[in-house]
PDB file of N, CA and C in Angstrom:
ATOM      1  N   MET A   1       8.000 -13.549  54.331  1.00  0.00           N
ATOM      2  CA  MET A   1       8.736 -12.686  53.305  1.00  0.00           C
ATOM      3  C   MET A   1       7.484 -11.585  52.643  1.00  0.00           C
ATOM      4  N   PRO A   2       7.451 -10.754  52.026  1.00  0.00           N
ATOM      5  CA  PRO A   2       6.450 -10.099  51.761  1.00  0.00           C
ATOM      6  C   PRO A   2       7.110 -10.118  49.749  1.00  0.00           C
ATOM      7  N   SER A   3       5.082 -10.413  48.806  1.00  0.00           N
ATOM      8  CA  SER A   3       5.749 -10.991  47.340  1.00  0.00           C
ATOM      9  C   SER A   3       6.725  -8.922  47.058  1.00  0.00           C
ATOM     10  N   THR A   4       6.863  -9.264  45.514  1.00  0.00           N
ATOM     11  CA  THR A   4       7.819  -8.620  44.819  1.00  0.00           C
ATOM     12  C   THR A   4       6.894  -8.764  43.592  1.00  0.00           C
ATOM     13  N   LYS A   5       5.749  -8.156  43.442  1.00  0.00           N
ATOM     14  CA  LYS A   5       4.940  -8.103  41.906  1.00  0.00           C
ATOM     15  C   LYS A   5       6.405  -6.872  41.450  1.00  0.00           C
ATOM     16  N   PRO A   6       6.647  -7.733  40.010  1.00  0.00           N
ATOM     17  CA  PRO A   6       7.302  -6.059  39.521  1.00  0.00           C
ATOM     18  C   PRO A   6       6.505  -5.203  38.733  1.00  0.00           C
ATOM     19  N   SER A   7       6.559  -3.775  39.491  1.00  0.00           N
ATOM     20  CA  SER A   7       5.678  -2.376  39.346  1.00  0.00           C
ATOM     21  C   SER A   7       5.677  -2.750  37.276  1.00  0.00           C
ATOM     22  N   LYS A   8       4.278  -2.320  36.801  1.00  0.00           N
ATOM     23  CA  LYS A   8       4.273  -1.854  35.837  1.00  0.00           C
ATOM     24  C   LYS A   8       4.408  -0.278  35.421  1.00  0.00           C
ATOM     25  N   PRO A   9       4.848  -0.195  34.710  1.00  0.00           N
ATOM     26  CA  PRO A   9       5.425   1.433  33.972  1.00  0.00           C
ATOM     27  C   PRO A   9       4.671   2.344  34.553  1.00  0.00           C
ATOM     28  N   THR A  10       4.567   3.212  34.554  1.00  0.00           N
ATOM     29  CA  THR A  10       3.144   4.271  34.886  1.00  0.00           C
ATOM     30  C   THR A  10       3.201   5.087  33.746  1.00  0.00           C
ATOM     31  N   LEU A  11       2.058   5.212  33.096  1.00  0.00           N
ATOM     32  CA  LEU A  11       2.256   5.648  32.023  1.00  0.00           C
ATOM     33  C   LEU A  11       1.373   7.459  32.172  1.00  0.00           C
ATOM     34  N   PRO A  12       2.204   7.713  31.111  1.00  0.00           N
ATOM     35  CA  PRO A  12       1.706   9.457  31.554  1.00  0.00           C
ATOM     36  C   PRO A  12       0.478   9.825  31.210  1.00  0.00           C
ATOM     37  N   PRO A  13      -0.567  10.821  31.788  1.00  0.00           N
ATOM     38  CA  PRO A  13      -1.816  10.897  31.985  1.00  0.00           C
ATOM     39  C   PRO A  13      -2.025  11.465  30.319  1.00  0.00           C
ATOM     40  N   ALA A  14      -3.154  10.628  29.693  1.00  0.00           N
ATOM     41  CA  ALA A  14      -3.247  10.965  28.546  1.00  0.00           C
ATOM     42  C   ALA A  14      -4.192  11.717  28.444  1.00  0.00           C
ATOM     43  N   ARG A  15      -3.129  12.997  27.223  1.00  0.00           N
ATOM     44  CA  ARG A  15      -4.050  14.102  27.383  1.00  0.00           C
ATOM     45  C   ARG A  15      -5.068  14.509  25.938  1.00  0.00           C
ATOM     46  N   ASP A  16      -5.619  14.959  26.517  1.00  0.00           N
ATOM     47  CA  ASP A  16      -7.218  15.972  25.964  1.00  0.00           C
ATOM     48  C   ASP A  16      -6.942  15.196  24.325  1.00  0.00           C
ATOM     49  N   PRO A  17      -7.953  15.218  23.638  1.00  0.00           N
ATOM     50  CA  PRO A  17      -7.915  15.098  22.299  1.00  0.00           C
ATOM     51  C   PRO A  17      -7.861  16.148  21.482  1.00  0.00           C
ATOM     52  N   ARG A  18      -8.264  17.217  21.945  1.00  0.00           N
ATOM     53  CA  ARG A  18      -8.408  18.754  21.490  1.00  0.00           C
ATOM     54  C   ARG A  18      -7.166  19.202  21.862  1.00  0.00           C
ATOM     55  N   GLU A  19      -6.422  18.847  23.203  1.00  0.00           N
ATOM     56  CA  GLU A  19      -4.518  19.131  23.051  1.00  0.00           C
ATOM     57  C   GLU A  19      -3.961  18.595  22.423  1.00  0.00           C
ATOM     58  N   ARG A  20      -4.263  17.262  22.159  1.00  0.00           N
ATOM     59  CA  ARG A  20      -3.238  16.797  21.116  1.00  0.00           C
ATOM     60  C   ARG A  20      -3.521  17.102  19.253  1.00  0.00           C
ATOM     61  N   PHE A  21      -4.829  17.382  19.340  1.00  0.00           N
ATOM     62  CA  PHE A  21      -5.268  17.561  17.701  1.00  0.00           C
ATOM     63  C   PHE A  21      -4.475  19.358  17.737  1.00  0.00           C
ATOM     64  N   LEU A  22      -4.785  20.015  18.833  1.00  0.00           N
ATOM     65  CA  LEU A  22      -4.014  21.424  18.532  1.00  0.00           C
ATOM     66  C   LEU A  22      -2.295  21.130  18.384  1.00  0.00           C
ATOM     67  N   SER A  23      -2.072  21.130  19.493  1.00  0.00           N
ATOM     68  CA  SER A  23      -0.171  20.819  19.479  1.00  0.00           C
ATOM     69  C   SER A  23      -0.113  19.851  17.739  1.00  0.00           C
ATOM     70  N   LEU A  24      -0.082  18.772  17.478  1.00  0.00           N
ATOM     71  CA  LEU A  24      -0.116  18.308  16.254  1.00  0.00           C
ATOM     72  C   LEU A  24      -0.595  19.637  14.999  1.00  0.00           C
ATOM     73  N   ALA A  25      -1.226  19.734  15.082  1.00  0.00           N
ATOM     74  CA  ALA A  25      -1.795  20.532  13.487  1.00  0.00           C
ATOM     75  C   ALA A  25      -0.892  21.381  13.799  1.00  0.00           C
ATOM     76  N   ASN A  26      -0.596  22.535  14.855  1.00  0.00           N
ATOM     77  CA  ASN A  26       0.396  23.581  14.979  1.00  0.00           C
ATOM     78  C   ASN A  26       1.621  22.640  14.035  1.00  0.00           C
ATOM     79  N   SER A  27       2.790  22.178  14.790  1.00  0.00           N
ATOM     80  CA  SER A  27       3.439  21.587  14.386  1.00  0.00           C
ATOM     81  C   SER A  27       3.481  20.884  13.051  1.00  0.00           C
ATOM     82  N   ARG A  28       2.894  20.130  12.655  1.00  0.00           N
ATOM     83  CA  ARG A  28       3.192  19.533  11.480  1.00  0.00           C
ATOM     84  C   ARG A  28       1.966  20.343  10.372  1.00  0.00           C
ATOM     85  N   VAL A  29       1.519  21.577  10.356  1.00  0.00           N
ATOM     86  CA  VAL A  29       1.256  22.824   9.710  1.00  0.00           C
ATOM     87  C   VAL A  29       2.414  23.258   9.182  1.00  0.00           C
ATOM     88  N   THR A  30       2.850  23.659  10.054  1.00  0.00           N
ATOM     89  CA  THR A  30       4.130  24.430  10.179  1.00  0.00           C
ATOM     90  C   THR A  30       5.471  23.449   9.363  1.00  0.00           C
ATOM     91  N   SER A  31       5.302  22.600   9.155  1.00  0.00           N
ATOM     92  CA  SER A  31       6.530  22.224   9.163  1.00  0.00           C
ATOM     93  C   SER A  31       5.888  21.625   7.335  1.00  0.00           C
ATOM     94  N   ALA A  32       4.982  21.310   7.303  1.00  0.00           N
ATOM     95  CA  ALA A  32       4.437  21.155   5.796  1.00  0.00           C
ATOM     96  C   ALA A  32       4.454  22.276   4.793  1.00  0.00           C
ATOM     97  N   ILE A  33       4.327  23.401   5.442  1.00  0.00           N
ATOM     98  CA  ILE A  33       4.362  25.287   5.309  1.00  0.00           C
ATOM     99  C   ILE A  33       5.876  24.736   4.411  1.00  0.00           C
ATOM    100  N   HIS A  34       6.938  25.212   5.546  1.00  0.00           N
ATOM    101  CA  HIS A  34       8.445  24.824   5.548  1.00  0.00           C
ATOM    102  C   HIS A  34       8.695  24.157   4.293  1.00  0.00           C
ATOM    103  N   GLN A  35       7.953  22.856   4.216  1.00  0.00           N
ATOM    104  CA  GLN A  35       8.454  21.966   3.282  1.00  0.00           C
ATOM    105  C   GLN A  35       8.148  22.633   1.765  1.00  0.00           C
ATOM    106  N   ILE A  36       6.946  22.939   1.783  1.00  0.00           N
ATOM    107  CA  ILE A  36       5.995  22.988   0.507  1.00  0.00           C
ATOM    108  C   ILE A  36       7.210  24.825  -0.162  1.00  0.00           C
ATOM    109  N   ARG A  37       7.620  25.575   0.811  1.00  0.00           N
ATOM    110  CA  ARG A  37       8.065  26.573   0.429  1.00  0.00           C
ATOM    111  C   ARG A  37      10.065  26.099   0.534  1.00  0.00           C
ATOM    112  N   LEU A  38      10.110  25.117   0.420  1.00  0.00           N
ATOM    113  CA  LEU A  38      11.357  25.017   0.106  1.00  0.00           C
ATOM    114  C   LEU A  38      11.261  24.103  -1.648  1.00  0.00           C
ATOM    115  N   ILE A  39      10.282  23.398  -1.336  1.00  0.00           N
ATOM    116  CA  ILE A  39       9.677  22.637  -3.048  1.00  0.00           C
ATOM    117  C   ILE A  39      10.188  24.242  -3.889  1.00  0.00           C
ATOM    118  N   GLY A  40       9.532  25.093  -3.564  1.00  0.00           N
ATOM    119  CA  GLY A  40       8.801  26.272  -4.453  1.00  0.00           C
ATOM    120  C   GLY A  40      10.533  27.007  -4.404  1.00  0.00           C
ATOM    121  N   ASN A  41      11.402  26.980  -3.635  1.00  0.00           N
ATOM    122  CA  ASN A  41      12.705  27.629  -4.145  1.00  0.00           C
ATOM    123  C   ASN A  41      13.124  26.263  -5.486  1.00  0.00           C
ATOM    124  N   LEU A  42      12.261  25.528  -5.475  1.00  0.00           N
ATOM    125  CA  LEU A  42      13.045  24.549  -7.069  1.00  0.00           C
ATOM    126  C   LEU A  42      12.777  25.064  -8.198  1.00  0.00           C
ATOM    127  N   ALA A  43      11.988  26.129  -8.362  1.00  0.00           N
ATOM    128  CA  ALA A  43      11.415  27.245  -9.462  1.00  0.00           C
ATOM    129  C   ALA A  43      12.518  27.757 -10.132  1.00  0.00           C
ATOM    130  N   ASN A  44      13.505  28.577  -8.717  1.00  0.00           N
ATOM    131  CA  ASN A  44      15.023  29.519  -9.279  1.00  0.00           C
ATOM    132  C   ASN A  44      15.375  29.346 -10.214  1.00  0.00           C
ATOM    133  N   GLN A  45      15.037  29.256 -11.258  1.00  0.00           N
ATOM    134  CA  GLN A  45      15.959  28.532 -12.788  1.00  0.00           C
ATOM    135  C   GLN A  45      17.415  29.480 -12.830  1.00  0.00           C
ATOM    136  N   LYS A  46      17.880  30.199 -12.256  1.00  0.00           N
ATOM    137  CA  LYS A  46      19.301  30.356 -11.387  1.00  0.00           C
ATOM    138  C   LYS A  46      20.263  29.610 -11.327  1.00  0.00           C
ATOM    139  N   ASN A  47      19.102  28.611 -10.475  1.00  0.00           N
ATOM    140  CA  ASN A  47      19.955  27.757  -9.812  1.00  0.00           C
ATOM    141  C   ASN A  47      19.591  25.914 -10.150  1.00  0.00           C
ATOM    142  N   TYR A  48      18.447  25.848 -10.410  1.00  0.00           N
ATOM    143  CA  TYR A  48      17.833  25.121 -11.462  1.00  0.00           C
ATOM    144  C   TYR A  48      17.617  24.689 -12.834  1.00  0.00           C
ATOM    145  N   ARG A  49      18.058  23.196 -13.280  1.00  0.00           N
ATOM    146  CA  ARG A  49      17.149  23.322 -14.805  1.00  0.00           C
ATOM    147  C   ARG A  49      16.377  22.481 -14.967  1.00  0.00           C
ATOM    148  N   TYR A  50      15.074  22.521 -14.948  1.00  0.00           N
ATOM    149  CA  TYR A  50      14.022  21.028 -15.028  1.00  0.00           C
ATOM    150  C   TYR A  50      12.968  22.079 -16.391  1.00  0.00           C
ATOM    151  N   GLU A  51      12.665  20.890 -16.392  1.00  0.00           N
ATOM    152  CA  GLU A  51      11.270  20.682 -17.888  1.00  0.00           C
ATOM    153  C   GLU A  51       9.722  21.451 -17.454  1.00  0.00           C
ATOM    154  N   SER A  52       9.065  22.161 -18.008  1.00  0.00           N
ATOM    155  CA  SER A  52       7.824  22.631 -18.069  1.00  0.00           C
ATOM    156  C   SER A  52       6.925  21.365 -17.034  1.00  0.00           C
ATOM    157  N   HIS A  53       6.872  20.302 -17.607  1.00  0.00           N
ATOM    158  CA  HIS A  53       6.215  19.043 -17.458  1.00  0.00           C
ATOM    159  C   HIS A  53       6.619  18.368 -16.111  1.00  0.00           C
ATOM    160  N   GLU A  54       8.320  18.830 -15.784  1.00  0.00           N
ATOM    161  CA  GLU A  54       8.499  18.306 -14.560  1.00  0.00           C
ATOM    162  C   GLU A  54       8.113  19.040 -13.128  1.00  0.00           C
ATOM    163  N   ALA A  55       8.018  20.598 -14.015  1.00  0.00           N
ATOM    164  CA  ALA A  55       7.565  21.349 -12.501  1.00  0.00           C
ATOM    165  C   ALA A  55       5.997  20.405 -12.670  1.00  0.00           C
ATOM    166  N   SER A  56       5.117  20.730 -13.416  1.00  0.00           N
ATOM    167  CA  SER A  56       3.640  20.331 -13.511  1.00  0.00           C
ATOM    168  C   SER A  56       3.569  18.575 -12.801  1.00  0.00           C
ATOM    169  N   LYS A  57       4.509  17.977 -13.050  1.00  0.00           N
ATOM    170  CA  LYS A  57       4.224  17.143 -12.269  1.00  0.00           C
ATOM    171  C   LYS A  57       4.012  17.323 -11.135  1.00  0.00           C
ATOM    172  N   ILE A  58       5.263  18.458 -10.235  1.00  0.00           N
ATOM    173  CA  ILE A  58       5.499  18.173  -8.668  1.00  0.00           C
ATOM    174  C   ILE A  58       4.133  18.981  -8.316  1.00  0.00           C
ATOM    175  N   VAL A  59       3.424  20.249  -9.169  1.00  0.00           N
ATOM    176  CA  VAL A  59       2.124  20.744  -8.843  1.00  0.00           C
ATOM    177  C   VAL A  59       1.020  19.280  -8.539  1.00  0.00           C
ATOM    178  N   ARG A  60       1.204  19.053  -9.769  1.00  0.00           N
ATOM    179  CA  ARG A  60      -0.247  18.172  -9.972  1.00  0.00           C
ATOM    180  C   ARG A  60      -0.016  16.870  -8.468  1.00  0.00           C
ATOM    181  N   ALA A  61       1.305  16.426  -8.279  1.00  0.00           N
ATOM    182  CA  ALA A  61       1.286  15.884  -6.790  1.00  0.00           C
ATOM    183  C   ALA A  61       0.665  16.513  -5.654  1.00  0.00           C
ATOM    184  N   LEU A  62       1.865  17.327  -5.615  1.00  0.00           N
ATOM    185  CA  LEU A  62       0.990  18.403  -4.401  1.00  0.00           C
ATOM    186  C   LEU A  62      -0.644  18.738  -3.844  1.00  0.00           C
ATOM    187  N   GLN A  63      -0.893  18.952  -5.527  1.00  0.00           N
ATOM    188  CA  GLN A  63      -2.347  19.444  -5.500  1.00  0.00           C
ATOM    189  C   GLN A  63      -3.482  18.302  -4.968  1.00  0.00           C
ATOM    190  N   ARG A  64      -3.106  17.168  -5.802  1.00  0.00           N
ATOM    191  CA  ARG A  64      -3.236  15.973  -5.243  1.00  0.00           C
ATOM    192  C   ARG A  64      -3.405  15.450  -3.800  1.00  0.00           C
ATOM    193  N   GLU A  65      -2.606  15.559  -3.459  1.00  0.00           N
ATOM    194  CA  GLU A  65      -2.524  15.795  -1.950  1.00  0.00           C
ATOM    195  C   GLU A  65      -3.030  16.463  -0.579  1.00  0.00           C
ATOM    196  N   LEU A  66      -2.764  17.622  -0.882  1.00  0.00           N
ATOM    197  CA  LEU A  66      -3.303  18.453  -0.590  1.00  0.00           C
ATOM    198  C   LEU A  66      -5.311  18.316  -0.659  1.00  0.00           C
ATOM    199  N   ASP A  67      -6.326  17.688  -1.960  1.00  0.00           N
ATOM    200  CA  ASP A  67      -6.891  17.821  -2.392  1.00  0.00           C
ATOM    201  C   ASP A  67      -7.834  15.906  -0.969  1.00  0.00           C
ATOM    202  N   GLU A  68      -6.685  15.099  -1.110  1.00  0.00           N
ATOM    203  CA  GLU A  68      -6.473  13.913  -0.021  1.00  0.00           C
ATOM    204  C   GLU A  68      -7.291  14.704   1.696  1.00  0.00           C
ATOM    205  N   VAL A  69      -6.225  15.678   1.985  1.00  0.00           N
ATOM    206  CA  VAL A  69      -6.216  16.193   2.871  1.00  0.00           C
ATOM    207  C   VAL A  69      -8.211  16.732   3.351  1.00  0.00           C
ATOM    208  N   LYS A  70      -8.601  17.620   2.387  1.00  0.00           N
ATOM    209  CA  LYS A  70      -9.413  18.490   2.774  1.00  0.00           C
ATOM    210  C   LYS A  70     -10.307  17.255   2.334  1.00  0.00           C
ATOM    211  N   ALA A  71     -10.481  16.274   1.594  1.00  0.00           N
ATOM    212  CA  ALA A  71     -11.449  14.885   1.820  1.00  0.00           C
ATOM    213  C   ALA A  71     -11.782  14.573   2.878  1.00  0.00           C
ATOM    214  N   LYS A  72     -10.128  14.212   3.835  1.00  0.00           N
ATOM    215  CA  LYS A  72     -10.383  13.575   4.883  1.00  0.00           C
ATOM    216  C   LYS A  72     -11.429  14.604   6.127  1.00  0.00           C
ATOM    217  N   PHE A  73     -10.966  15.533   5.531  1.00  0.00           N
ATOM    218  CA  PHE A  73     -11.519  16.674   7.086  1.00  0.00           C
ATOM    219  C   PHE A  73     -12.965  16.728   6.488  1.00  0.00           C
ATOM    220  N   ASN A  74     -13.039  16.683   5.718  1.00  0.00           N
ATOM    221  CA  ASN A  74     -14.991  16.417   5.334  1.00  0.00           C
ATOM    222  C   ASN A  74     -15.216  15.560   5.128  1.00  0.00           C
ATOM    223  N   GLY A  75     -14.495  14.268   5.985  1.00  0.00           N
ATOM    224  CA  GLY A  75     -15.232  12.653   6.484  1.00  0.00           C
ATOM    225  C   GLY A  75     -15.270  11.941   5.107  1.00  0.00           C
ATOM    226  N   ALA A  76     -14.140  11.780   4.420  1.00  0.00           N
ATOM    227  CA  ALA A  76     -14.051  10.630   2.953  1.00  0.00           C
ATOM    228  C   ALA A  76     -12.963  10.425   3.658  1.00  0.00           C
ATOM    229  N   ALA A  77     -12.741   9.020   3.593  1.00  0.00           N
ATOM    230  CA  ALA A  77     -11.289   7.990   4.986  1.00  0.00           C
ATOM    231  C   ALA A  77     -10.379   7.788   3.562  1.00  0.00           C
ATOM    232  N   LYS A  78     -10.587   7.656   2.552  1.00  0.00           N
ATOM    233  CA  LYS A  78      -9.654   7.672   1.335  1.00  0.00           C
ATOM    234  C   LYS A  78      -8.147   7.644   1.500  1.00  0.00           C
ATOM    235  N   SER A  79      -7.170   7.032   2.008  1.00  0.00           N
ATOM    236  CA  SER A  79      -5.713   7.517   1.832  1.00  0.00           C
ATOM    237  C   SER A  79      -4.843   6.463   0.798  1.00  0.00           C
ATOM    238  N   GLU A  80      -3.692   6.715   0.479  1.00  0.00           N
ATOM    239  CA  GLU A  80      -2.912   5.727  -0.568  1.00  0.00           C
ATOM    240  C   GLU A  80      -1.599   5.925  -0.225  1.00  0.00           C
ATOM    241  N   SER A  81      -1.173   5.542  -0.268  1.00  0.00           N
ATOM    242  CA  SER A  81       0.290   5.356  -0.112  1.00  0.00           C
ATOM    243  C   SER A  81       1.024   6.112  -1.273  1.00  0.00           C
ATOM    244  N   THR A  82       1.789   7.024  -1.609  1.00  0.00           N
ATOM    245  CA  THR A  82       2.511   7.488  -2.713  1.00  0.00           C
ATOM    246  C   THR A  82       3.679   7.415  -2.519  1.00  0.00           C
ATOM    247  N   THR A  83       4.698   7.704  -3.415  1.00  0.00           N
ATOM    248  CA  THR A  83       5.884   7.959  -3.615  1.00  0.00           C
ATOM    249  C   THR A  83       6.240   8.607  -5.067  1.00  0.00           C
ATOM    250  N   PHE A  84       6.944   9.536  -5.009  1.00  0.00           N
ATOM    251  CA  PHE A  84       6.669  10.487  -6.039  1.00  0.00           C
ATOM    252  C   PHE A  84       7.752  10.297  -6.518  1.00  0.00           C
ATOM    253  N   ARG A  85       8.318  10.492  -7.843  1.00  0.00           N
ATOM    254  CA  ARG A  85       9.518  10.424  -8.867  1.00  0.00           C
ATOM    255  C   ARG A  85       9.210  10.958 -10.253  1.00  0.00           C
ATOM    256  N   LEU A  86       9.754  12.011 -10.447  1.00  0.00           N
ATOM    257  CA  LEU A  86       9.853  12.433 -12.088  1.00  0.00           C
ATOM    258  C   LEU A  86      10.378  11.672 -13.194  1.00  0.00           C
TER     259      LEU A  86
END
């Protein structure tokens, strides 16, 4: 009687790290730019009411995260979990 071993699921071949980087960078940066533009739409005072300190808080939060990304690409490995609240 032939032995029936459970077959292991076959994984797709691992993609080259460069390919993965390019693919993810393109999609994630495009998505981030889109989201930033949507946040920018909040500046339309015909549709929204906000205080200047609230706008400043939004800009500071975005700048802080952008600074984190720059630091990571320059070799720093600092990262914090952040939830934004006005």
